[in-house]
Structures are given as structure tokens and as C-alpha cells.
Protein backbone atom coordinates (compact mmCIF):
# COMPACT_ATOMS: atom_id res chain seq x y z
CA MET A 1 27.10 9.53 8.32
CA GLN A 2 24.78 10.65 11.13
CA ASN A 3 27.35 13.25 12.20
CA GLN A 4 27.66 14.60 8.65
CA VAL A 5 23.86 14.80 8.24
CA ASN A 6 23.49 16.76 11.48
CA ILE A 7 26.27 19.16 10.42
CA LEU A 8 24.45 19.77 7.11
CA LYS A 9 21.23 20.29 9.06
CA GLY A 10 22.99 22.89 11.18
CA PHE A 11 24.12 24.69 8.03
CA GLY A 12 20.53 24.69 6.77
CA LEU A 13 21.36 22.49 3.78
CA ILE A 14 19.08 19.73 5.09
CA SER A 15 15.78 20.84 6.59
CA GLY A 16 14.03 17.55 7.38
CA GLU A 17 10.68 19.26 6.85
CA SER A 18 9.76 16.76 4.12
CA ILE A 19 11.36 13.36 3.67
CA SER A 20 10.93 10.68 1.05
CA LEU A 21 11.54 6.96 1.47
CA ASP A 22 12.09 4.41 -1.25
CA SER A 23 13.89 1.13 -1.79
CA THR A 24 15.86 -0.37 -4.63
CA PRO A 25 16.81 -4.01 -5.31
CA ILE A 26 20.41 -5.18 -5.11
CA LYS A 27 20.89 -8.45 -6.98
CA ALA A 28 23.26 -11.02 -5.56
CA ASN A 29 26.12 -12.35 -7.66
CA THR A 30 24.53 -15.66 -8.57
CA LYS A 31 23.72 -17.41 -11.84
CA PHE A 32 20.06 -17.63 -10.73
CA ASN A 33 19.70 -13.89 -11.45
CA ASN A 34 20.95 -14.34 -15.00
CA PRO A 35 17.94 -14.26 -17.38
CA LYS A 36 19.84 -16.64 -19.67
CA SER A 37 20.13 -19.24 -16.91
CA PHE A 38 18.04 -22.38 -17.42
CA SER A 39 18.52 -23.75 -13.92
CA LYS A 40 15.47 -25.60 -12.61
CA ASN A 41 13.53 -23.97 -9.75
CA LYS A 42 16.01 -21.10 -9.64
CA PHE A 43 13.46 -18.92 -7.84
CA SER A 44 12.40 -21.51 -5.29
CA LYS A 45 12.83 -20.51 -1.64
CA ASN A 46 14.39 -23.92 -0.97
CA ASN A 47 17.02 -23.45 -3.67
CA GLN A 48 19.44 -21.14 -1.84
CA PRO A 49 22.30 -19.94 -4.11
CA LYS A 50 25.58 -21.55 -3.09
CA SER A 51 27.53 -18.38 -3.99
CA ASP A 52 25.65 -16.26 -1.43
CA LYS A 53 24.30 -17.91 1.73
CA ASP A 54 22.89 -14.64 3.12
CA CYS A 55 20.75 -13.37 0.23
CA LYS A 56 17.00 -13.97 0.13
CA LEU A 57 14.36 -14.26 -2.55
CA GLY A 58 12.51 -11.04 -3.34
CA VAL A 59 10.23 -9.54 -5.95
CA HIS A 60 10.75 -6.27 -7.81
CA THR A 61 7.93 -4.45 -9.59
CA ALA A 62 8.91 -2.81 -12.84
CA SER A 63 6.34 0.00 -12.70
CA ASN A 64 4.33 2.13 -10.25
CA ASN A 65 1.34 1.90 -12.57
CA THR A 66 -1.45 -0.05 -10.81
CA SER A 67 -2.55 -1.56 -14.13
CA ASN A 68 0.94 -2.80 -14.94
CA LYS A 69 1.54 -6.35 -13.71
CA ASN A 70 5.22 -6.52 -14.70
CA TYR A 71 7.41 -7.87 -11.92
CA GLU A 72 10.40 -10.12 -11.53
CA PHE A 73 11.86 -12.36 -8.86
CA TYR A 74 15.48 -12.07 -7.83
CA TRP A 75 17.94 -13.28 -5.22
CA GLY A 76 19.62 -10.56 -3.23
CA TYR A 77 19.03 -7.57 -1.01
CA LYS A 78 17.12 -4.31 -0.80
CA ASN A 79 18.46 -0.85 -0.01
CA HIS A 80 16.05 1.48 1.85
CA ILE A 81 16.94 5.19 1.76
CA ILE A 82 15.43 8.25 3.48
CA ILE A 83 15.94 11.41 1.42
CA ASP A 84 15.54 15.05 2.37
CA SER A 85 12.96 15.94 -0.28
CA LEU A 86 13.99 19.59 -0.63
CA SER A 87 17.74 19.14 -1.09
CA GLY A 88 17.76 15.59 -2.46
CA LEU A 89 20.45 14.59 0.05
CA PRO A 90 20.30 11.21 1.84
CA ILE A 91 19.57 11.24 5.56
CA ALA A 92 19.65 7.54 6.46
CA GLU A 93 19.84 4.15 4.79
CA VAL A 94 19.73 0.48 5.61
CA THR A 95 20.32 -2.63 3.54
CA THR A 96 18.14 -5.65 4.24
CA THR A 97 17.58 -8.98 2.56
CA ALA A 98 15.24 -8.92 -0.43
CA ASN A 99 12.35 -10.57 1.42
CA ILE A 100 11.83 -7.51 3.66
CA HIS A 101 8.75 -5.59 2.53
CA ASP A 102 8.58 -1.84 1.99
CA PHE A 103 6.47 -1.30 5.12
CA ALA A 104 9.59 -2.18 7.11
CA ALA A 105 9.93 1.60 6.94
CA ILE A 106 8.82 1.87 10.57
CA PRO A 107 12.07 0.56 12.15
CA LEU A 108 14.16 2.84 9.92
CA LEU A 109 12.00 5.88 10.68
CA SER A 110 12.04 5.09 14.39
CA GLU A 111 15.83 4.69 14.50
CA THR A 112 16.36 7.87 12.46
CA ASN A 113 14.07 9.81 14.77
CA ASN A 114 16.37 8.96 17.69
CA TRP A 115 19.18 11.12 16.29
CA PHE A 116 17.46 13.28 13.65
CA ASN A 117 14.28 14.94 14.92
CA LEU A 118 11.37 13.96 12.62
CA GLU A 119 8.69 15.69 14.69
CA GLY A 120 5.91 17.01 12.41
CA VAL A 121 7.58 15.66 9.27
CA ASN A 122 5.89 15.35 5.86
CA PHE A 123 6.43 11.69 4.90
CA ILE A 124 6.32 11.00 1.15
CA ALA A 125 6.38 7.50 -0.34
CA ASP A 126 4.90 5.46 -3.18
CA LYS A 127 1.97 3.04 -2.98
CA GLY A 128 4.27 0.26 -1.74
CA TYR A 129 4.11 1.96 1.68
CA ASP A 130 0.30 2.21 1.68
CA VAL A 131 -0.04 0.29 4.95
CA LYS A 132 -2.05 1.41 7.97
CA LYS A 133 0.83 0.76 10.38
CA VAL A 134 3.00 3.26 8.48
CA TYR A 135 0.26 5.91 8.55
CA ASN A 136 -0.37 5.38 12.24
CA PHE A 137 3.33 5.58 13.11
CA VAL A 138 3.84 8.84 11.21
CA ARG A 139 0.67 10.33 12.65
CA ASN A 140 0.76 9.10 16.25
CA THR A 141 4.49 8.87 16.95
CA LEU A 142 6.05 11.48 14.68
CA HIS A 143 2.95 13.74 14.67
CA GLY A 144 3.54 14.19 10.96
CA HIS A 145 1.59 13.93 7.73
CA CYS A 146 1.60 11.21 5.06
CA PHE A 147 1.62 11.73 1.31
CA ILE A 148 1.12 8.21 -0.01
CA PRO A 149 -1.18 7.20 -2.91
CA LEU A 150 -3.71 4.42 -2.36
CA ASN A 151 -2.84 0.90 -3.43
CA LYS A 152 -6.09 -0.28 -5.00
CA ARG A 153 -4.91 -3.67 -6.19
CA SER A 154 -6.59 -5.62 -3.39
CA SER A 155 -9.69 -3.47 -2.89
CA LYS A 156 -13.17 -4.47 -4.04
CA LYS A 157 -15.17 -2.00 -6.09
CA HIS A 158 -18.98 -1.75 -6.02
CA ASN A 159 -21.24 0.34 -8.19
CA LEU A 160 -23.04 2.74 -5.87
CA THR A 161 -26.04 5.03 -6.26
CA ASP A 162 -25.80 8.67 -5.19
CA ASP A 163 -27.36 7.81 -1.82
CA GLY A 164 -24.86 5.00 -1.11
CA HIS A 165 -26.82 1.89 -2.16
CA VAL A 166 -24.93 -0.93 -3.89
CA VAL A 167 -26.10 -1.79 -7.41
CA CYS A 168 -26.36 -5.55 -7.94
CA ASP A 169 -25.25 -7.55 -11.01
CA ALA A 170 -28.68 -7.03 -12.56
CA GLY A 171 -28.36 -3.25 -12.25
CA ILE A 172 -30.92 -2.92 -9.45
CA PRO A 173 -30.13 -0.89 -6.29
CA MET A 174 -29.93 -3.12 -3.22
CA ILE A 175 -31.29 -2.25 0.22
CA LYS A 176 -29.27 -1.74 3.38
CA ASP A 177 -29.98 -4.71 5.62
CA GLY A 178 -29.62 -4.21 9.36
CA GLY A 179 -27.42 -1.84 11.29
CA LYS A 180 -23.77 -1.08 10.79
CA GLU A 181 -21.02 -3.23 12.26
CA TYR A 182 -18.20 -1.24 13.86
CA PHE A 183 -14.65 -2.54 13.74
CA ASP A 184 -11.27 -1.03 14.53
CA GLY A 185 -10.72 1.53 11.78
CA PHE A 186 -13.74 0.81 9.58
CA ILE A 187 -17.53 0.39 9.50
CA LYS A 188 -19.16 -2.54 7.69
CA GLN A 189 -22.58 -2.23 6.01
CA LYS A 190 -24.62 -5.17 4.68
CA HIS A 191 -26.61 -4.79 1.43
CA ARG A 192 -29.27 -7.28 0.31
CA CYS A 193 -31.37 -7.88 -2.82
CA LYS A 194 -34.53 -5.76 -2.61
CA TYR A 195 -36.63 -8.77 -3.69
CA TYR A 196 -35.24 -11.13 -1.04
CA LYS A 197 -38.71 -11.85 0.40
CA SER A 198 -40.51 -12.19 -2.93
CA LYS A 199 -41.52 -15.57 -4.39
CA ASP A 200 -41.88 -14.17 -7.90
CA ASP A 201 -39.19 -15.78 -10.07
CA SER A 202 -39.49 -13.13 -12.77
CA LEU A 203 -38.14 -10.25 -10.67
CA CYS A 204 -34.42 -10.96 -11.19
CA PRO A 205 -33.53 -9.75 -14.73
CA CYS A 206 -30.17 -11.58 -14.85
CA HIS A 207 -31.54 -14.86 -13.42
CA HIS A 208 -28.80 -14.93 -10.80
CA PRO A 209 -28.37 -18.37 -9.18
CA LYS A 210 -28.42 -16.79 -5.72
CA TYR A 211 -31.95 -15.54 -6.38
CA PHE A 212 -33.16 -18.96 -7.48
CA ASN A 213 -31.72 -20.71 -4.42
CA GLY A 214 -34.98 -22.16 -3.07
CA LYS A 215 -34.37 -20.61 0.36
CA LYS A 216 -36.62 -18.39 2.44
CA TYR A 217 -34.50 -15.29 1.77
CA ARG A 218 -33.32 -15.04 -1.81
CA GLY A 219 -30.88 -12.91 -3.74
CA CYS A 220 -27.36 -11.56 -3.47
CA ILE A 221 -25.67 -10.10 -0.41
CA LYS A 222 -22.82 -7.61 -0.67
CA TYR A 223 -20.83 -5.69 1.93
CA THR A 224 -19.28 -2.24 1.82
CA SER A 225 -16.86 -0.76 4.31
CA VAL A 226 -16.30 2.85 5.25
CA SER A 227 -12.87 3.57 6.71
CA THR A 228 -12.63 5.95 9.65
CA ASP A 229 -8.85 5.96 10.16
CA TYR A 230 -6.21 8.55 9.24
CA ARG A 231 -5.36 6.75 5.96
CA SER A 232 -8.88 7.24 4.58
CA SER A 233 -9.12 10.87 5.67
CA ILE A 234 -6.36 12.08 3.32
CA ASP A 235 -7.59 14.05 0.29
CA ARG A 236 -5.31 12.72 -2.44
CA ASN A 237 -6.95 14.88 -5.11
CA SER A 238 -6.07 18.14 -3.37
CA ILE A 239 -3.48 20.55 -4.74
CA HIS A 240 -1.60 20.35 -1.42
CA PHE A 241 -1.23 16.56 -1.65
CA LYS A 242 -0.16 16.61 -5.30
CA SER A 243 2.39 19.39 -4.79
CA LYS A 244 4.03 17.54 -1.88
CA TYR A 245 3.96 14.16 -3.63
CA LYS A 246 5.92 15.60 -6.57
CA LEU A 247 8.92 15.84 -4.23
CA ARG A 248 9.13 12.04 -4.20
CA THR A 249 11.12 12.14 -7.44
CA GLU A 250 14.20 13.01 -5.35
CA SER A 251 14.20 9.51 -3.86
CA GLU A 252 13.84 8.00 -7.36
CA ARG A 253 17.01 9.77 -8.43
């Protein structure tokens, strides 16, 4: 397959300028994957199917919509495929057990780069690949660019004022308490209730229990983080990002 891909690249039918990576589930031939099966604990990790000793338990999401919680468990494998986004032709693929996550893209990209030059590539993938290690590999090793939407499922949202102050549960802007803490890839800022030194019990409109805590410093404390890595620097609302990300449909097909 590698030889055929390189021949097509020589003919100009595969450019490798933009690639797309996606995975698809492959269900094992076991009764546990039958929705009509009433077997007990059929999706327990300790209940290995007797008909397939190599398959593993995985999860498959039914939608890319962040508000859609539909997913299903299955026993089987997962096929990861790199596609040339312009021609729609496959470049490389690997089949793993179903428990291998999507960010296992790095070994496949690294191996492909050994025989198919991915220098400066545009890497396109869905939010399942929104992992810092993937961004850093594409940027630092392949010297390419990522076109991956943010996965906001695990991120905390705070209401902020125009000048960057967190708004508390009572709707009052908090104050920035102390200096910033610098970590690898992000900056952490502490925000505190503006009435934390006051002894007046009538100042908290929502009567928050953290304000009436009987301690010297009262009120809520919240933290915000500002990312400084490559992942956070991508403008996902730009026309350039959206036009490149549209090419991901080739890997869906």
C-alpha cells in the first residue's frame, strides 16, 4: 500500500498538503453486541467474549454535536485512517482494539511520516483529537498546522465582565486576588468576592453559604485560566480555518 501511495503521489494524484484523520468502530462477532441480547454485564471489562479473545471494550459516539450525549458501548476494534483531503484517497491505516483512544493518532502520524513526507502538513480532524499532545506533535515535529475544533465538554465556563473579572453567583463582579500563577501551557488567575473583608451580612444578595462561613475572609473564590499554547492560539472562527475544516468530510466518506 505504501508503494502504491507513493506512486500516486509521484503522479500528482495525492498531494499530502492536507490530510484528514478519523476512526470508525468495527464490532466483533459476539452476541454481546446484539441489542436484543439480554446477557448480564455484557459490557463489563471482566466479561470477555468467548468468541473473540482479542477484542476490547470501546465506546462509540453517535454524533459530533457537543450537546448530544448519545453513545454506545461495543466489543471490537477501531480502524484509524489517514486521508488525502484533496483527492479523498487513503494514505495509511491501522486497526487497533476498541479501547485505543482517538489521540493515538501520534504513532500513526509518526510512522506515516517515515515513508510519506508530512512536513508542513495541514492536519484536519474532529473534536475527538482535541488533545494538546496531538497539536504539539503536528506543530513541533511535522511543522504543520492543526484544524481541530475545541472539545468543550470538560471545560468550565465563567461569566466575565469586559475587563476580565469573573461575575459571581449573585451577579457581582469579583476582584482579582494576588498575582498570576504560571504553569506549563497556561496561566492561572484567582478571583475573590469583593466583600471578603466585610462583616456586613447584608452585602451578599444571594445569601451564599460561602459568604456566611464565619471565617476571617468570606465569600466565593473562583479561578480562570488563560492558555498560552499552540492549541489556544488557533482562530477557529476565521474563514481560513472553516474552509480547511470542510475538507474533513472526505474522511467521513
